[in-house]
Amino acid sequence: MIGIINYGSGNIQAILNIYKRLNKKAYIANTPEDISKSDKLILPGVGAFDETMEKLVSSGLINVLNDQVLQKNVPVLGICVGMQVMARKSEEGKREGLGWFDAEVKKLDPINKKGEIVLLPHMGWNSIQPVTNSHLFNGINPDRGFYFLHSYHFVCNSEEDLLARTNYGNVVTSAVSKGNIFGTQFHPEKSHMNGIQMFKNFSEL
């Protein structure tokens, strides 16, 4: 059973609708009890880093999340800001993140290596370049890519955690993984067939 975590942020219903279409068992997880009975978890996110962390703290779900993910190794997929809060901290705010990755979130560089202006936010479709084999990318067309919407990006201190890159003026992280923990900077719930395939792949981990 896939628990889509409801802490007041993210495209929850869109993700649930995709799993209904795929005929996969999923539900909206509102309470610690809901999260405890999930064998996979999705942590969506829309908005700013500090606001997202504040919502997570006020929801009372962080302790059970840490237990399920770090102690019981339940697979979890963070989406957009849901991935960013898995880092230790962010330039976007002052709050500490979950710290599941040795990483920090930094503002996208508005100037590329050629000295040209890069428009922010990074918004729209972009391709990805997987850097390691992962079941998460089975059947995915990397050239077709995914839908992005962000002004901050995830900077891993360990290359081993990097799953895919994307070029937007400069090279940025588009997906990460560490054991049972996965994150995407893009929005698979807005990415048509590639996104549907990725949610299917996650359900089969």
N, C-alpha and C. Protein backbone atom coordinates (compact mmCIF):
# COMPACT_ATOMS: atom_id res chain seq x y z
N MET A 1 0.84 -1.19 0.00
CA MET A 1 0.00 0.00 0.00
C MET A 1 0.88 1.24 0.00
N ILE A 2 0.62 2.14 -0.93
CA ILE A 2 1.41 3.36 -1.08
C ILE A 2 0.72 4.51 -0.35
N GLY A 3 1.40 5.10 0.61
CA GLY A 3 0.85 6.22 1.35
C GLY A 3 1.35 7.54 0.79
N ILE A 4 0.43 8.37 0.32
CA ILE A 4 0.77 9.69 -0.19
C ILE A 4 0.59 10.67 0.96
N ILE A 5 1.68 11.21 1.46
CA ILE A 5 1.68 11.93 2.73
C ILE A 5 1.00 13.29 2.58
N ASN A 6 -0.02 13.50 3.39
CA ASN A 6 -0.77 14.76 3.38
C ASN A 6 -0.36 15.59 4.60
N TYR A 7 0.49 16.60 4.34
CA TYR A 7 0.88 17.51 5.42
C TYR A 7 0.54 18.95 5.01
N GLY A 8 -0.30 19.07 3.98
CA GLY A 8 -0.75 20.39 3.54
C GLY A 8 0.05 20.99 2.41
N SER A 9 0.80 20.15 1.66
CA SER A 9 1.61 20.67 0.57
C SER A 9 1.75 19.61 -0.51
N GLY A 10 1.48 19.99 -1.76
CA GLY A 10 1.74 19.06 -2.86
C GLY A 10 0.50 18.66 -3.63
N ASN A 11 0.74 18.10 -4.81
CA ASN A 11 -0.34 17.67 -5.69
C ASN A 11 -0.79 16.25 -5.33
N ILE A 12 -1.42 16.13 -4.19
CA ILE A 12 -1.76 14.82 -3.65
C ILE A 12 -2.79 14.09 -4.50
N GLN A 13 -3.86 14.80 -4.86
CA GLN A 13 -4.94 14.15 -5.60
C GLN A 13 -4.48 13.70 -6.98
N ALA A 14 -3.60 14.49 -7.61
CA ALA A 14 -3.10 14.12 -8.93
C ALA A 14 -2.32 12.81 -8.87
N ILE A 15 -1.52 12.64 -7.82
CA ILE A 15 -0.76 11.40 -7.66
C ILE A 15 -1.70 10.23 -7.39
N LEU A 16 -2.68 10.44 -6.53
CA LEU A 16 -3.65 9.39 -6.22
C LEU A 16 -4.40 8.96 -7.48
N ASN A 17 -4.77 9.92 -8.32
CA ASN A 17 -5.49 9.60 -9.55
C ASN A 17 -4.65 8.75 -10.49
N ILE A 18 -3.34 9.02 -10.54
CA ILE A 18 -2.45 8.22 -11.38
C ILE A 18 -2.41 6.78 -10.91
N TYR A 19 -2.32 6.57 -9.59
CA TYR A 19 -2.28 5.21 -9.08
C TYR A 19 -3.62 4.49 -9.28
N LYS A 20 -4.71 5.21 -9.23
CA LYS A 20 -6.00 4.60 -9.55
C LYS A 20 -6.03 4.14 -11.00
N ARG A 21 -5.49 4.98 -11.86
CA ARG A 21 -5.41 4.65 -13.29
C ARG A 21 -4.54 3.42 -13.51
N LEU A 22 -3.49 3.29 -12.72
CA LEU A 22 -2.58 2.15 -12.82
C LEU A 22 -3.11 0.91 -12.10
N ASN A 23 -4.24 1.07 -11.41
CA ASN A 23 -4.82 -0.02 -10.61
C ASN A 23 -3.85 -0.49 -9.51
N LYS A 24 -3.17 0.49 -8.91
CA LYS A 24 -2.26 0.22 -7.80
C LYS A 24 -2.89 0.75 -6.51
N LYS A 25 -2.69 0.02 -5.43
CA LYS A 25 -3.29 0.43 -4.15
C LYS A 25 -2.53 1.61 -3.55
N ALA A 26 -3.22 2.72 -3.41
CA ALA A 26 -2.62 3.93 -2.82
C ALA A 26 -3.70 4.68 -2.08
N TYR A 27 -3.30 5.46 -1.11
CA TYR A 27 -4.26 6.25 -0.35
C TYR A 27 -3.56 7.46 0.23
N ILE A 28 -4.33 8.41 0.70
CA ILE A 28 -3.79 9.61 1.30
C ILE A 28 -3.51 9.35 2.78
N ALA A 29 -2.25 9.52 3.18
CA ALA A 29 -1.84 9.25 4.57
C ALA A 29 -1.89 10.55 5.36
N ASN A 30 -2.83 10.64 6.28
CA ASN A 30 -3.04 11.85 7.06
C ASN A 30 -2.47 11.80 8.47
N THR A 31 -2.27 10.60 9.01
CA THR A 31 -1.90 10.44 10.41
C THR A 31 -0.67 9.55 10.55
N PRO A 32 -0.02 9.56 11.73
CA PRO A 32 1.10 8.65 11.96
C PRO A 32 0.70 7.19 11.74
N GLU A 33 -0.53 6.84 12.10
CA GLU A 33 -1.01 5.47 11.91
C GLU A 33 -1.06 5.11 10.44
N ASP A 34 -1.51 6.07 9.62
CA ASP A 34 -1.55 5.84 8.17
C ASP A 34 -0.16 5.57 7.63
N ILE A 35 0.80 6.37 8.05
CA ILE A 35 2.17 6.22 7.57
C ILE A 35 2.77 4.90 8.04
N SER A 36 2.45 4.50 9.25
CA SER A 36 3.01 3.25 9.82
C SER A 36 2.56 2.01 9.05
N LYS A 37 1.39 2.06 8.45
CA LYS A 37 0.88 0.88 7.74
C LYS A 37 1.22 0.89 6.25
N SER A 38 1.95 1.91 5.79
CA SER A 38 2.33 2.01 4.37
C SER A 38 3.60 1.21 4.11
N ASP A 39 3.63 0.49 2.98
CA ASP A 39 4.87 -0.19 2.63
C ASP A 39 5.71 0.62 1.65
N LYS A 40 5.15 1.73 1.15
CA LYS A 40 5.89 2.72 0.37
C LYS A 40 5.28 4.08 0.68
N LEU A 41 6.09 5.14 0.57
CA LEU A 41 5.63 6.48 0.90
C LEU A 41 6.02 7.46 -0.20
N ILE A 42 5.16 8.43 -0.43
CA ILE A 42 5.46 9.53 -1.34
C ILE A 42 5.33 10.84 -0.57
N LEU A 43 6.38 11.66 -0.65
CA LEU A 43 6.42 12.95 0.03
C LEU A 43 6.37 14.05 -1.03
N PRO A 44 5.17 14.54 -1.35
CA PRO A 44 5.06 15.60 -2.36
C PRO A 44 5.47 16.94 -1.77
N GLY A 45 5.58 17.94 -2.63
CA GLY A 45 5.93 19.26 -2.13
C GLY A 45 5.74 20.35 -3.16
N VAL A 46 5.13 21.43 -2.74
CA VAL A 46 4.98 22.63 -3.57
C VAL A 46 5.21 23.83 -2.68
N GLY A 47 6.08 24.76 -3.13
CA GLY A 47 6.30 25.96 -2.32
C GLY A 47 7.73 26.09 -1.84
N ALA A 48 7.91 26.80 -0.73
CA ALA A 48 9.24 27.13 -0.22
C ALA A 48 9.70 26.11 0.82
N PHE A 49 11.03 26.05 1.00
CA PHE A 49 11.66 25.09 1.91
C PHE A 49 11.17 25.26 3.34
N ASP A 50 11.30 26.47 3.91
CA ASP A 50 10.92 26.68 5.31
C ASP A 50 9.43 26.42 5.54
N GLU A 51 8.61 26.87 4.61
CA GLU A 51 7.16 26.65 4.74
C GLU A 51 6.84 25.17 4.74
N THR A 52 7.53 24.42 3.89
CA THR A 52 7.31 22.98 3.82
C THR A 52 7.74 22.30 5.12
N MET A 53 8.91 22.68 5.65
CA MET A 53 9.37 22.10 6.91
C MET A 53 8.44 22.47 8.06
N GLU A 54 7.95 23.69 8.07
CA GLU A 54 7.02 24.11 9.12
C GLU A 54 5.74 23.28 9.08
N LYS A 55 5.25 23.02 7.88
CA LYS A 55 4.05 22.19 7.74
C LYS A 55 4.31 20.76 8.21
N LEU A 56 5.49 20.23 7.89
CA LEU A 56 5.84 18.88 8.33
C LEU A 56 5.92 18.80 9.85
N VAL A 57 6.56 19.81 10.45
CA VAL A 57 6.69 19.83 11.91
C VAL A 57 5.31 19.93 12.57
N SER A 58 4.49 20.86 12.09
CA SER A 58 3.17 21.06 12.69
C SER A 58 2.23 19.88 12.46
N SER A 59 2.50 19.10 11.42
CA SER A 59 1.66 17.93 11.14
C SER A 59 1.89 16.81 12.15
N GLY A 60 3.03 16.84 12.85
CA GLY A 60 3.35 15.79 13.81
C GLY A 60 3.77 14.48 13.17
N LEU A 61 4.21 14.54 11.90
CA LEU A 61 4.50 13.31 11.17
C LEU A 61 6.00 13.00 11.06
N ILE A 62 6.86 13.92 11.50
CA ILE A 62 8.30 13.74 11.26
C ILE A 62 8.85 12.52 12.00
N ASN A 63 8.46 12.31 13.23
CA ASN A 63 9.01 11.17 13.99
C ASN A 63 8.67 9.84 13.34
N VAL A 64 7.42 9.68 12.93
CA VAL A 64 7.03 8.41 12.31
C VAL A 64 7.67 8.28 10.93
N LEU A 65 7.86 9.40 10.24
CA LEU A 65 8.55 9.36 8.95
C LEU A 65 9.99 8.89 9.11
N ASN A 66 10.70 9.48 10.08
CA ASN A 66 12.08 9.07 10.33
C ASN A 66 12.16 7.59 10.71
N ASP A 67 11.23 7.13 11.50
CA ASP A 67 11.21 5.73 11.91
C ASP A 67 11.00 4.80 10.71
N GLN A 68 10.00 5.13 9.89
CA GLN A 68 9.69 4.27 8.74
C GLN A 68 10.82 4.27 7.72
N VAL A 69 11.37 5.44 7.45
CA VAL A 69 12.37 5.57 6.39
C VAL A 69 13.76 5.15 6.85
N LEU A 70 14.18 5.62 8.02
CA LEU A 70 15.55 5.39 8.46
C LEU A 70 15.73 4.10 9.24
N GLN A 71 14.72 3.67 9.96
CA GLN A 71 14.83 2.45 10.77
C GLN A 71 14.25 1.22 10.07
N LYS A 72 13.11 1.38 9.42
CA LYS A 72 12.43 0.24 8.79
C LYS A 72 12.68 0.15 7.30
N ASN A 73 13.42 1.12 6.77
CA ASN A 73 13.82 1.12 5.35
C ASN A 73 12.65 1.04 4.38
N VAL A 74 11.56 1.71 4.71
CA VAL A 74 10.42 1.79 3.80
C VAL A 74 10.80 2.71 2.64
N PRO A 75 10.60 2.27 1.38
CA PRO A 75 10.92 3.14 0.24
C PRO A 75 10.10 4.43 0.27
N VAL A 76 10.76 5.54 -0.02
CA VAL A 76 10.09 6.84 -0.02
C VAL A 76 10.54 7.62 -1.25
N LEU A 77 9.60 8.34 -1.86
CA LEU A 77 9.88 9.17 -3.02
C LEU A 77 9.50 10.61 -2.70
N GLY A 78 10.48 11.51 -2.69
CA GLY A 78 10.22 12.92 -2.48
C GLY A 78 10.13 13.64 -3.82
N ILE A 79 9.16 14.54 -3.95
CA ILE A 79 8.93 15.24 -5.21
C ILE A 79 9.13 16.74 -5.03
N CYS A 80 9.99 17.34 -5.85
CA CYS A 80 10.26 18.77 -5.85
C CYS A 80 10.71 19.23 -4.46
N VAL A 81 9.94 20.10 -3.79
CA VAL A 81 10.34 20.53 -2.45
C VAL A 81 10.32 19.34 -1.48
N GLY A 82 9.51 18.33 -1.79
CA GLY A 82 9.52 17.10 -1.00
C GLY A 82 10.86 16.40 -1.05
N MET A 83 11.59 16.57 -2.15
CA MET A 83 12.97 16.08 -2.23
C MET A 83 13.91 17.05 -1.52
N GLN A 84 13.73 18.35 -1.74
CA GLN A 84 14.66 19.32 -1.18
C GLN A 84 14.73 19.27 0.34
N VAL A 85 13.61 19.01 1.01
CA VAL A 85 13.63 18.96 2.48
C VAL A 85 14.34 17.71 3.00
N MET A 86 14.71 16.79 2.11
CA MET A 86 15.51 15.65 2.52
C MET A 86 16.97 16.02 2.73
N ALA A 87 17.35 17.23 2.31
CA ALA A 87 18.72 17.73 2.51
C ALA A 87 18.88 18.25 3.94
N ARG A 88 20.10 18.68 4.27
CA ARG A 88 20.36 19.20 5.62
C ARG A 88 19.85 20.62 5.80
N LYS A 89 19.95 21.43 4.72
CA LYS A 89 19.55 22.83 4.83
C LYS A 89 19.36 23.41 3.44
N SER A 90 18.86 24.66 3.40
CA SER A 90 18.62 25.32 2.12
C SER A 90 18.95 26.80 2.22
N GLU A 91 19.48 27.35 1.13
CA GLU A 91 19.70 28.79 1.06
C GLU A 91 18.37 29.54 1.02
N GLU A 92 17.29 28.84 0.73
CA GLU A 92 15.98 29.49 0.64
C GLU A 92 15.41 29.85 2.00
N GLY A 93 15.92 29.20 3.06
CA GLY A 93 15.36 29.45 4.38
C GLY A 93 16.37 29.22 5.49
N LYS A 94 15.88 29.20 6.71
CA LYS A 94 16.74 29.05 7.88
C LYS A 94 16.52 27.74 8.63
N ARG A 95 15.44 27.06 8.33
CA ARG A 95 15.14 25.82 9.05
C ARG A 95 16.06 24.68 8.63
N GLU A 96 16.28 23.75 9.53
CA GLU A 96 16.99 22.53 9.18
C GLU A 96 16.06 21.61 8.39
N GLY A 97 16.64 20.88 7.43
CA GLY A 97 15.88 19.89 6.69
C GLY A 97 15.85 18.57 7.43
N LEU A 98 15.33 17.55 6.78
CA LEU A 98 15.25 16.21 7.40
C LEU A 98 16.64 15.59 7.54
N GLY A 99 17.58 15.97 6.68
CA GLY A 99 18.94 15.46 6.78
C GLY A 99 19.10 14.03 6.34
N TRP A 100 18.24 13.55 5.48
CA TRP A 100 18.35 12.18 4.99
C TRP A 100 19.48 12.03 3.98
N PHE A 101 19.85 13.15 3.35
CA PHE A 101 21.01 13.18 2.45
C PHE A 101 22.03 14.18 2.98
N ASP A 102 23.30 13.88 2.75
CA ASP A 102 24.35 14.86 3.00
C ASP A 102 24.35 15.81 1.81
N ALA A 103 23.50 16.79 1.88
CA ALA A 103 23.28 17.70 0.75
C ALA A 103 22.71 19.00 1.26
N GLU A 104 22.80 20.03 0.42
CA GLU A 104 22.14 21.28 0.73
C GLU A 104 21.50 21.83 -0.54
N VAL A 105 20.53 22.70 -0.36
CA VAL A 105 19.78 23.25 -1.48
C VAL A 105 20.26 24.68 -1.72
N LYS A 106 20.62 24.96 -2.98
CA LYS A 106 21.16 26.28 -3.33
C LYS A 106 20.36 26.90 -4.47
N LYS A 107 20.40 28.22 -4.53
CA LYS A 107 19.69 28.92 -5.59
C LYS A 107 20.35 28.63 -6.93
N LEU A 108 19.53 28.43 -7.96
CA LEU A 108 20.05 28.23 -9.30
C LEU A 108 20.85 29.46 -9.74
N ASP A 109 21.95 29.21 -10.41
CA ASP A 109 22.79 30.30 -10.90
C ASP A 109 22.08 31.00 -12.07
N PRO A 110 21.85 32.30 -11.98
CA PRO A 110 21.16 33.02 -13.06
C PRO A 110 22.04 33.31 -14.27
N ILE A 111 23.34 32.93 -14.18
CA ILE A 111 24.27 33.12 -15.28
C ILE A 111 24.91 31.78 -15.63
N ASN A 112 24.90 31.41 -16.91
CA ASN A 112 25.52 30.15 -17.29
C ASN A 112 27.02 30.31 -17.53
N LYS A 113 27.68 29.23 -17.92
CA LYS A 113 29.13 29.26 -18.07
C LYS A 113 29.58 30.16 -19.22
N LYS A 114 28.67 30.47 -20.13
CA LYS A 114 28.99 31.37 -21.24
C LYS A 114 28.73 32.83 -20.89
N GLY A 115 28.28 33.07 -19.66
CA GLY A 115 27.98 34.43 -19.24
C GLY A 115 26.61 34.90 -19.66
N GLU A 116 25.77 33.96 -20.10
CA GLU A 116 24.42 34.30 -20.56
C GLU A 116 23.43 34.22 -19.42
N ILE A 117 22.37 35.02 -19.48
CA ILE A 117 21.35 35.04 -18.44
C ILE A 117 20.47 33.79 -18.54
N VAL A 118 20.23 33.17 -17.41
CA VAL A 118 19.34 32.01 -17.31
C VAL A 118 18.06 32.46 -16.60
N LEU A 119 16.93 32.29 -17.24
CA LEU A 119 15.67 32.71 -16.64
C LEU A 119 15.29 31.83 -15.46
N LEU A 120 14.85 32.45 -14.38
CA LEU A 120 14.37 31.72 -13.20
C LEU A 120 12.92 32.09 -12.95
N PRO A 121 12.10 31.13 -12.53
CA PRO A 121 12.45 29.74 -12.23
C PRO A 121 12.69 28.90 -13.48
N HIS A 122 13.32 27.76 -13.29
CA HIS A 122 13.41 26.74 -14.32
C HIS A 122 12.01 26.14 -14.44
N MET A 123 11.32 26.45 -15.53
CA MET A 123 9.91 26.05 -15.65
C MET A 123 9.65 25.44 -17.01
N GLY A 124 9.02 24.28 -17.01
CA GLY A 124 8.65 23.62 -18.25
C GLY A 124 9.34 22.28 -18.41
N TRP A 125 9.25 21.73 -19.62
CA TRP A 125 9.80 20.41 -19.91
C TRP A 125 11.30 20.48 -20.15
N ASN A 126 11.99 19.46 -19.65
CA ASN A 126 13.43 19.35 -19.89
C ASN A 126 13.82 17.88 -19.85
N SER A 127 14.85 17.56 -20.60
CA SER A 127 15.34 16.19 -20.62
C SER A 127 16.16 15.91 -19.36
N ILE A 128 16.43 14.64 -19.12
CA ILE A 128 17.28 14.23 -18.00
C ILE A 128 18.39 13.33 -18.53
N GLN A 129 19.48 13.26 -17.76
CA GLN A 129 20.58 12.35 -18.10
C GLN A 129 20.85 11.45 -16.89
N PRO A 130 20.28 10.24 -16.90
CA PRO A 130 20.57 9.31 -15.80
C PRO A 130 22.06 9.02 -15.72
N VAL A 131 22.59 8.95 -14.51
CA VAL A 131 24.02 8.69 -14.34
C VAL A 131 24.27 7.30 -13.76
N THR A 132 23.21 6.59 -13.43
CA THR A 132 23.34 5.23 -12.91
C THR A 132 22.06 4.47 -13.24
N ASN A 133 22.16 3.16 -13.32
CA ASN A 133 20.98 2.35 -13.58
C ASN A 133 20.08 2.33 -12.35
N SER A 134 18.80 2.52 -12.58
CA SER A 134 17.83 2.48 -11.49
C SER A 134 16.50 1.99 -12.03
N HIS A 135 15.84 1.12 -11.26
CA HIS A 135 14.51 0.65 -11.67
C HIS A 135 13.54 1.82 -11.82
N LEU A 136 13.81 2.91 -11.13
CA LEU A 136 12.93 4.08 -11.20
C LEU A 136 12.83 4.61 -12.63
N PHE A 137 13.87 4.37 -13.45
CA PHE A 137 13.89 4.90 -14.82
C PHE A 137 13.54 3.86 -15.88
N ASN A 138 13.12 2.67 -15.48
CA ASN A 138 12.75 1.65 -16.46
C ASN A 138 11.61 2.15 -17.36
N GLY A 139 11.81 2.03 -18.67
CA GLY A 139 10.76 2.43 -19.61
C GLY A 139 10.61 3.93 -19.77
N ILE A 140 11.52 4.71 -19.20
CA ILE A 140 11.46 6.17 -19.28
C ILE A 140 12.22 6.66 -20.52
N ASN A 141 11.66 7.64 -21.21
CA ASN A 141 12.35 8.28 -22.32
C ASN A 141 13.05 9.53 -21.79
N PRO A 142 14.38 9.48 -21.57
CA PRO A 142 15.07 10.62 -20.95
C PRO A 142 15.06 11.87 -21.82
N ASP A 143 14.98 11.69 -23.14
CA ASP A 143 14.95 12.85 -24.03
C ASP A 143 13.62 13.59 -23.96
N ARG A 144 12.54 12.85 -23.80
CA ARG A 144 11.23 13.47 -23.62
C ARG A 144 11.20 14.22 -22.30
N GLY A 145 11.81 13.63 -21.27
CA GLY A 145 12.01 14.30 -20.00
C GLY A 145 10.78 14.47 -19.14
N PHE A 146 10.85 15.51 -18.28
CA PHE A 146 9.84 15.73 -17.26
C PHE A 146 9.56 17.22 -17.11
N TYR A 147 8.51 17.52 -16.36
CA TYR A 147 8.11 18.92 -16.13
C TYR A 147 8.78 19.44 -14.85
N PHE A 148 9.46 20.57 -14.96
CA PHE A 148 10.17 21.20 -13.85
C PHE A 148 9.53 22.53 -13.48
N LEU A 149 9.64 22.88 -12.19
CA LEU A 149 9.27 24.22 -11.73
C LEU A 149 10.02 24.48 -10.42
N HIS A 150 11.17 25.17 -10.52
CA HIS A 150 11.97 25.42 -9.31
C HIS A 150 13.00 26.52 -9.56
N SER A 151 13.39 27.18 -8.48
CA SER A 151 14.46 28.19 -8.53
C SER A 151 15.65 27.79 -7.68
N TYR A 152 15.51 26.70 -6.93
CA TYR A 152 16.59 26.18 -6.08
C TYR A 152 16.87 24.74 -6.49
N HIS A 153 18.11 24.29 -6.28
CA HIS A 153 18.46 22.94 -6.70
C HIS A 153 19.23 22.22 -5.60
N PHE A 154 19.23 20.91 -5.71
CA PHE A 154 19.75 19.98 -4.70
C PHE A 154 21.21 19.68 -5.02
N VAL A 155 22.11 20.00 -4.10
CA VAL A 155 23.54 19.79 -4.31
C VAL A 155 24.03 18.69 -3.37
N CYS A 156 24.37 17.54 -3.97
CA CYS A 156 24.83 16.39 -3.18
C CYS A 156 26.31 16.55 -2.85
N ASN A 157 26.67 16.24 -1.62
CA ASN A 157 28.08 16.20 -1.25
C ASN A 157 28.72 14.87 -1.58
N SER A 158 27.89 13.88 -1.91
CA SER A 158 28.38 12.57 -2.33
C SER A 158 27.84 12.27 -3.73
N GLU A 159 28.75 12.04 -4.68
CA GLU A 159 28.35 11.71 -6.04
C GLU A 159 27.54 10.41 -6.09
N GLU A 160 27.74 9.55 -5.10
CA GLU A 160 27.03 8.27 -5.07
C GLU A 160 25.52 8.45 -4.94
N ASP A 161 25.10 9.60 -4.42
CA ASP A 161 23.67 9.85 -4.23
C ASP A 161 22.98 10.40 -5.48
N LEU A 162 23.77 10.73 -6.49
CA LEU A 162 23.23 11.34 -7.71
C LEU A 162 22.65 10.28 -8.63
N LEU A 163 21.40 10.47 -9.04
CA LEU A 163 20.71 9.51 -9.91
C LEU A 163 20.57 10.05 -11.33
N ALA A 164 20.32 11.36 -11.48
CA ALA A 164 20.18 11.95 -12.81
C ALA A 164 20.48 13.44 -12.75
N ARG A 165 20.96 13.95 -13.89
CA ARG A 165 21.24 15.37 -14.03
C ARG A 165 20.36 15.96 -15.13
N THR A 166 20.27 17.28 -15.11
CA THR A 166 19.57 18.02 -16.16
C THR A 166 20.37 19.27 -16.47
N ASN A 167 20.38 19.65 -17.72
CA ASN A 167 21.09 20.87 -18.12
C ASN A 167 20.10 22.01 -18.24
N TYR A 168 20.29 23.03 -17.39
CA TYR A 168 19.50 24.25 -17.51
C TYR A 168 20.46 25.43 -17.35
N GLY A 169 21.13 25.75 -18.43
CA GLY A 169 22.18 26.76 -18.35
C GLY A 169 23.44 26.18 -17.73
N ASN A 170 23.27 25.58 -16.58
CA ASN A 170 24.31 24.83 -15.90
C ASN A 170 23.74 23.45 -15.56
N VAL A 171 24.61 22.54 -15.18
CA VAL A 171 24.16 21.19 -14.81
C VAL A 171 23.55 21.21 -13.42
N VAL A 172 22.34 20.69 -13.28
CA VAL A 172 21.68 20.63 -11.98
C VAL A 172 21.21 19.20 -11.71
N THR A 173 21.02 18.90 -10.45
CA THR A 173 20.53 17.58 -10.05
C THR A 173 19.04 17.47 -10.33
N SER A 174 18.64 16.39 -11.01
CA SER A 174 17.21 16.18 -11.25
C SER A 174 16.65 14.97 -10.52
N ALA A 175 17.52 14.07 -10.03
CA ALA A 175 17.04 12.94 -9.23
C ALA A 175 18.18 12.41 -8.36
N VAL A 176 17.81 11.91 -7.18
CA VAL A 176 18.78 11.36 -6.24
C VAL A 176 18.25 10.05 -5.66
N SER A 177 19.16 9.26 -5.12
CA SER A 177 18.75 8.04 -4.42
C SER A 177 19.81 7.66 -3.40
N LYS A 178 19.35 7.06 -2.32
CA LYS A 178 20.25 6.58 -1.27
C LYS A 178 19.54 5.43 -0.58
N GLY A 179 19.89 4.21 -0.99
CA GLY A 179 19.19 3.05 -0.43
C GLY A 179 17.72 3.07 -0.79
N ASN A 180 16.87 3.18 0.22
CA ASN A 180 15.42 3.17 0.04
C ASN A 180 14.84 4.56 -0.20
N ILE A 181 15.70 5.58 -0.26
CA ILE A 181 15.23 6.97 -0.36
C ILE A 181 15.47 7.51 -1.77
N PHE A 182 14.42 8.03 -2.39
CA PHE A 182 14.49 8.56 -3.75
C PHE A 182 13.92 9.97 -3.77
N GLY A 183 14.42 10.78 -4.68
CA GLY A 183 13.88 12.13 -4.83
C GLY A 183 13.98 12.60 -6.27
N THR A 184 12.99 13.36 -6.70
CA THR A 184 13.02 13.97 -8.03
C THR A 184 12.76 15.47 -7.91
N GLN A 185 13.57 16.26 -8.62
CA GLN A 185 13.34 17.70 -8.64
C GLN A 185 12.14 18.03 -9.52
N PHE A 186 11.93 17.23 -10.53
CA PHE A 186 10.80 17.43 -11.44
C PHE A 186 9.50 16.90 -10.84
N HIS A 187 8.40 17.21 -11.50
CA HIS A 187 7.07 16.76 -11.06
C HIS A 187 6.59 15.62 -11.94
N PRO A 188 6.74 14.37 -11.53
CA PRO A 188 6.23 13.27 -12.36
C PRO A 188 4.71 13.32 -12.53
N GLU A 189 4.00 13.88 -11.55
CA GLU A 189 2.53 13.94 -11.65
C GLU A 189 2.07 14.93 -12.73
N LYS A 190 3.00 15.73 -13.27
CA LYS A 190 2.69 16.67 -14.35
C LYS A 190 3.40 16.28 -15.65
N SER A 191 3.97 15.07 -15.69
CA SER A 191 4.87 14.71 -16.78
C SER A 191 4.34 13.60 -17.69
N HIS A 192 3.02 13.49 -17.78
CA HIS A 192 2.38 12.61 -18.75
C HIS A 192 2.91 11.18 -18.66
N MET A 193 3.22 10.56 -19.79
CA MET A 193 3.54 9.13 -19.79
C MET A 193 4.82 8.81 -19.03
N ASN A 194 5.84 9.67 -19.13
CA ASN A 194 7.06 9.43 -18.35
C ASN A 194 6.77 9.43 -16.86
N GLY A 195 5.94 10.36 -16.43
CA GLY A 195 5.61 10.44 -15.01
C GLY A 195 4.79 9.25 -14.54
N ILE A 196 3.84 8.84 -15.36
CA ILE A 196 3.03 7.66 -15.02
C ILE A 196 3.91 6.43 -14.90
N GLN A 197 4.85 6.29 -15.85
CA GLN A 197 5.76 5.15 -15.80
C GLN A 197 6.63 5.17 -14.56
N MET A 198 7.08 6.37 -14.17
CA MET A 198 7.91 6.46 -12.99
C MET A 198 7.14 6.08 -11.72
N PHE A 199 5.89 6.52 -11.60
CA PHE A 199 5.09 6.12 -10.44
C PHE A 199 4.87 4.61 -10.44
N LYS A 200 4.67 4.04 -11.61
CA LYS A 200 4.54 2.58 -11.71
C LYS A 200 5.83 1.90 -11.25
N ASN A 201 6.96 2.40 -11.73
CA ASN A 201 8.26 1.82 -11.33
C ASN A 201 8.45 1.89 -9.81
N PHE A 202 8.09 3.03 -9.22
CA PHE A 202 8.26 3.17 -7.77
C PHE A 202 7.39 2.16 -7.02
N SER A 203 6.18 1.93 -7.52
CA SER A 203 5.29 0.98 -6.85
C SER A 203 5.82 -0.45 -6.89
N GLU A 204 6.74 -0.71 -7.82
CA GLU A 204 7.27 -2.07 -8.00
C GLU A 204 8.64 -2.27 -7.37
N LEU A 205 9.15 -1.28 -6.69
CA LEU A 205 10.46 -1.41 -6.02
C LEU A 205 10.42 -2.49 -4.95
